[in-house]
């Protein structure tokens, strides 16, 4: 999570785009970023807030079955 913050923060500060793929919903992603007991909560919240701002307040969600399970 610390590495994710560094990547997200660097791209945010340099006005660079970011593509993030995850099998987590936006709420699950926020919880994932917020649940590191070794990390400052502000840093976790900043990661999600930066992602949200870079995505102009919305994420593209593509739903489907896992190809590994078929």
Protein backbone atom coordinates (compact mmCIF):
# COMPACT_ATOMS: atom_id res chain seq x y z
CA UNK A 1 0.00 0.00 0.00
CA UNK A 2 2.91 2.29 0.67
CA UNK A 3 4.21 1.60 -2.83
CA UNK A 4 0.74 2.21 -4.29
CA UNK A 5 0.67 5.58 -2.55
CA UNK A 6 4.06 6.52 -3.97
CA UNK A 7 2.98 5.62 -7.51
CA UNK A 8 -0.41 7.32 -7.25
CA UNK A 9 1.06 10.41 -5.59
CA UNK A 10 3.89 10.78 -8.12
CA UNK A 11 1.52 10.50 -11.08
CA UNK A 12 -0.93 12.90 -9.42
CA UNK A 13 1.75 15.50 -8.66
CA UNK A 14 3.16 15.29 -12.20
CA UNK A 15 -0.29 15.43 -13.85
CA UNK A 16 0.32 12.03 -15.44
CA UNK A 17 -2.49 9.61 -16.27
CA UNK A 18 -2.88 6.31 -14.47
CA UNK A 19 -4.61 3.07 -15.39
CA UNK A 20 -5.51 0.90 -12.44
CA UNK A 21 -7.10 -2.50 -12.88
CA UNK A 22 -8.56 -4.33 -9.94
CA UNK A 23 -11.13 -6.94 -9.10
CA UNK A 24 -12.31 -4.65 -6.30
CA UNK A 25 -15.27 -2.29 -6.47
CA UNK A 26 -14.55 1.38 -5.73
CA UNK A 27 -15.80 0.91 -2.14
CA UNK A 28 -13.69 -2.22 -1.69
CA UNK A 29 -10.67 -0.39 -3.10
CA UNK A 30 -11.17 2.44 -0.64
CA UNK A 31 -11.43 -0.06 2.22
CA UNK A 32 -8.32 -1.87 1.00
CA UNK A 33 -6.32 1.35 0.92
CA UNK A 34 -7.66 2.35 4.35
CA UNK A 35 -6.98 -0.92 6.19
CA UNK A 36 -3.21 -0.94 6.54
CA UNK A 37 -2.48 -0.99 10.28
CA UNK A 38 1.10 0.17 9.66
CA UNK A 39 0.13 3.14 7.52
CA UNK A 40 -1.03 6.61 8.44
CA UNK A 41 -4.79 6.86 7.71
CA UNK A 42 -4.27 10.23 6.02
CA UNK A 43 -2.00 8.60 3.45
CA UNK A 44 -4.57 5.88 2.69
CA UNK A 45 -7.34 8.44 2.28
CA UNK A 46 -5.11 10.60 0.10
CA UNK A 47 -4.45 7.65 -2.23
CA UNK A 48 -8.15 7.10 -2.86
CA UNK A 49 -8.92 10.81 -3.08
CA UNK A 50 -6.18 11.31 -5.69
CA UNK A 51 -7.47 8.36 -7.72
CA UNK A 52 -11.00 9.73 -7.50
CA UNK A 53 -9.90 13.19 -8.64
CA UNK A 54 -7.80 11.80 -11.51
CA UNK A 55 -10.85 9.78 -12.61
CA UNK A 56 -12.95 12.97 -12.61
CA UNK A 57 -15.17 11.56 -9.89
CA UNK A 58 -16.01 8.27 -11.56
CA UNK A 59 -14.53 4.89 -12.28
CA UNK A 60 -15.15 2.69 -15.29
CA UNK A 61 -16.42 -0.63 -14.06
CA UNK A 62 -16.47 -3.64 -16.34
CA UNK A 63 -18.28 -6.62 -14.91
CA UNK A 64 -17.95 -10.16 -16.12
CA UNK A 65 -17.04 -13.69 -15.21
CA UNK A 66 -13.44 -14.67 -14.58
CA UNK A 67 -12.00 -16.46 -17.58
CA UNK A 68 -10.01 -18.62 -15.15
CA UNK A 69 -13.20 -20.09 -13.72
CA UNK A 70 -14.77 -21.10 -17.02
